Amino acid sequence: MFGYEYNLEYICSYTLNLHPAEVIGPLAEGIRANYHFAGGQVDGPKLRGKFRPVGGDFATLRRDGIGILDIRGTIETQDGALIYEVGSGLAYGGEDDYEKAIKRDLRPTVPLRAVVRLQTAHPDYLWVNRLQFVSIGELVRATSEVRADLYALK
């Protein structure tokens, strides 16, 4: 074991509102569902602002109940900077989630874990271009939102 040192720096928390899922349907690799962003709030010591109502999570629910996340969106900071977010990760459903999804019997919450990159040209936020981020949160179906904390992995 190597035991490399690292730390996680808390950047912000966010609530991301979702439009109803655009379900493409069962495909060979699983159930494809696109979750388009309806907006959201970003609040923390390093980033504050909102998610613009563009982008989405283009997810695939595999037959083993694990969701594969493909995230793309834009944060607009309180001072007007635009920051592009791109990420991938997993939604941790139960082993029977695929069959439940076919029947529209969905869990009320689903844990989400993602690795995220942020990109901007704004001079006050160039530091985001140099970091890897980790998002830890959950999908809350009743409110159609994602709630998560964002950390910089250093």
Protein backbone atom coordinates (compact mmCIF):
# COMPACT_ATOMS: atom_id res chain seq x y z
CA MET A 1 0.00 0.00 0.00
CA PHE A 2 1.35 3.41 -0.95
CA GLY A 3 -0.72 5.68 1.30
CA TYR A 4 -0.54 8.84 -0.78
CA GLU A 5 -1.62 11.92 1.12
CA TYR A 6 -4.64 13.90 0.00
CA ASN A 7 -7.31 16.12 1.46
CA LEU A 8 -10.76 17.25 0.49
CA GLU A 9 -11.51 20.96 0.62
CA TYR A 10 -15.18 21.90 0.94
CA ILE A 11 -16.09 24.24 -1.94
CA CYS A 12 -19.88 24.55 -1.84
CA SER A 13 -23.23 22.83 -1.54
CA TYR A 14 -25.78 22.94 -4.30
CA THR A 15 -29.39 22.14 -5.04
CA LEU A 16 -30.06 21.37 -8.68
CA ASN A 17 -33.69 21.40 -9.86
CA LEU A 18 -34.62 18.92 -12.58
CA HIS A 19 -37.31 18.85 -15.23
CA PRO A 20 -39.22 15.54 -15.40
CA ALA A 21 -37.03 12.80 -16.83
CA GLU A 22 -36.99 12.33 -20.58
CA VAL A 23 -37.01 8.54 -20.69
CA ILE A 24 -35.65 7.21 -23.98
CA GLY A 25 -36.41 3.70 -22.85
CA PRO A 26 -34.76 0.37 -22.37
CA LEU A 27 -31.79 0.07 -24.70
CA ALA A 28 -29.19 -2.67 -25.02
CA GLU A 29 -26.99 -1.06 -22.33
CA GLY A 30 -29.88 -0.18 -19.97
CA ILE A 31 -32.59 2.40 -19.46
CA ARG A 32 -31.60 5.80 -20.84
CA ALA A 33 -33.12 8.82 -19.06
CA ASN A 34 -32.15 12.43 -19.62
CA TYR A 35 -32.59 14.79 -16.68
CA HIS A 36 -32.52 18.36 -17.98
CA PHE A 37 -31.57 21.10 -15.52
CA ALA A 38 -34.24 23.62 -14.53
CA GLY A 39 -31.86 25.76 -12.47
CA GLY A 40 -30.57 25.62 -8.94
CA GLN A 41 -28.59 27.29 -6.18
CA VAL A 42 -24.89 27.13 -5.32
CA ASP A 43 -23.76 28.31 -1.88
CA GLY A 44 -20.45 27.89 -0.11
CA PRO A 45 -17.22 29.50 0.97
CA LYS A 46 -15.56 29.23 -2.48
CA LEU A 47 -18.48 29.32 -4.96
CA ARG A 48 -21.82 31.12 -4.75
CA GLY A 49 -24.40 31.62 -7.45
CA LYS A 50 -26.81 29.53 -9.43
CA PHE A 51 -27.03 26.75 -11.96
CA ARG A 52 -28.32 28.05 -15.26
CA PRO A 53 -31.36 26.20 -16.67
CA VAL A 54 -29.25 24.48 -19.33
CA GLY A 55 -27.47 21.16 -19.45
CA GLY A 56 -28.40 17.96 -17.75
CA ASP A 57 -27.51 14.52 -16.57
CA PHE A 58 -27.72 11.99 -19.38
CA ALA A 59 -28.01 8.82 -17.31
CA THR A 60 -28.16 5.13 -18.06
CA LEU A 61 -29.54 2.67 -15.51
CA ARG A 62 -27.73 -0.64 -15.94
CA ARG A 63 -29.40 -3.99 -15.36
CA ASP A 64 -27.49 -4.38 -12.07
CA GLY A 65 -29.23 -1.29 -10.64
CA ILE A 66 -26.28 1.10 -10.95
CA GLY A 67 -26.83 4.35 -12.80
CA ILE A 68 -24.05 5.79 -14.96
CA LEU A 69 -24.05 9.60 -14.82
CA ASP A 70 -22.95 11.94 -17.63
CA ILE A 71 -23.26 15.49 -16.26
CA ARG A 72 -22.95 18.78 -18.13
CA GLY A 73 -24.02 22.20 -16.87
CA THR A 74 -23.17 25.85 -16.27
CA ILE A 75 -22.77 27.67 -12.98
CA GLU A 76 -23.21 31.44 -12.97
CA THR A 77 -21.48 32.91 -9.92
CA GLN A 78 -22.94 35.78 -7.91
CA ASP A 79 -20.50 38.14 -9.63
CA GLY A 80 -21.38 36.98 -13.15
CA ALA A 81 -18.64 34.45 -13.96
CA LEU A 82 -19.64 31.43 -16.03
CA ILE A 83 -18.17 28.08 -15.02
CA TYR A 84 -18.71 24.97 -17.13
CA GLU A 85 -19.20 21.73 -15.22
CA VAL A 86 -18.61 18.29 -16.68
CA GLY A 87 -18.67 15.10 -14.67
CA SER A 88 -19.29 11.41 -14.53
CA GLY A 89 -20.25 9.15 -11.71
CA LEU A 90 -22.55 6.56 -10.27
CA ALA A 91 -26.07 6.47 -8.85
CA TYR A 92 -26.20 3.70 -6.27
CA GLY A 93 -29.50 1.93 -6.60
CA GLY A 94 -30.40 -1.50 -5.37
CA GLU A 95 -29.81 -4.64 -7.39
CA ASP A 96 -33.51 -4.69 -8.30
CA ASP A 97 -33.69 -1.03 -9.39
CA TYR A 98 -33.67 -1.85 -13.09
CA GLU A 99 -36.76 -4.06 -12.78
CA LYS A 100 -38.41 -1.50 -10.49
CA ALA A 101 -37.70 1.28 -13.00
CA ILE A 102 -39.40 -0.73 -15.76
CA LYS A 103 -42.50 -0.82 -13.51
CA ARG A 104 -42.07 2.88 -12.55
CA ASP A 105 -41.60 1.82 -8.92
CA LEU A 106 -38.71 4.19 -8.17
CA ARG A 107 -36.80 4.76 -4.93
CA PRO A 108 -37.54 8.09 -3.18
CA THR A 109 -33.82 8.93 -2.91
CA VAL A 110 -30.73 7.65 -4.68
CA PRO A 111 -27.14 8.25 -3.47
CA LEU A 112 -24.95 9.96 -6.09
CA ARG A 113 -21.14 10.09 -6.35
CA ALA A 114 -19.37 11.91 -9.16
CA VAL A 115 -16.01 13.24 -10.23
CA VAL A 116 -16.30 16.72 -11.68
CA ARG A 117 -14.14 19.16 -13.62
CA LEU A 118 -14.86 22.87 -13.71
CA GLN A 119 -13.69 25.20 -16.47
CA THR A 120 -13.78 28.96 -16.82
CA ALA A 121 -11.99 31.89 -18.44
CA HIS A 122 -12.99 34.35 -15.70
CA PRO A 123 -9.83 35.68 -14.00
CA ASP A 124 -11.27 35.43 -10.47
CA TYR A 125 -12.00 31.71 -10.84
CA LEU A 126 -9.05 30.38 -12.85
CA TRP A 127 -8.18 28.24 -9.81
CA VAL A 128 -11.05 25.85 -10.69
CA ASN A 129 -9.28 24.86 -13.92
CA ARG A 130 -6.44 23.28 -11.93
CA LEU A 131 -8.43 21.03 -9.60
CA GLN A 132 -10.30 17.74 -9.57
CA PHE A 133 -13.62 17.88 -7.74
CA VAL A 134 -15.75 15.25 -6.04
CA SER A 135 -19.52 15.61 -5.68
CA ILE A 136 -21.31 13.66 -2.95
CA GLY A 137 -25.07 13.86 -2.79
CA GLU A 138 -28.44 12.35 -3.58
CA LEU A 139 -31.35 12.54 -5.99
CA VAL A 140 -34.60 13.38 -4.19
CA ARG A 141 -37.48 12.29 -6.40
CA ALA A 142 -40.29 13.98 -4.43
CA THR A 143 -38.81 17.42 -5.10
CA SER A 144 -37.11 16.58 -8.44
CA GLU A 145 -33.76 17.82 -7.22
CA VAL A 146 -30.19 16.83 -6.64
CA ARG A 147 -28.64 17.93 -3.35
CA ALA A 148 -24.86 17.65 -3.09
CA ASP A 149 -21.66 18.92 -1.58
CA LEU A 150 -18.69 19.71 -3.82
CA TYR A 151 -15.12 19.13 -2.65
CA ALA A 152 -11.76 19.85 -4.27
CA LEU A 153 -9.48 16.82 -4.16
CA LYS A 154 -5.97 18.00 -3.32
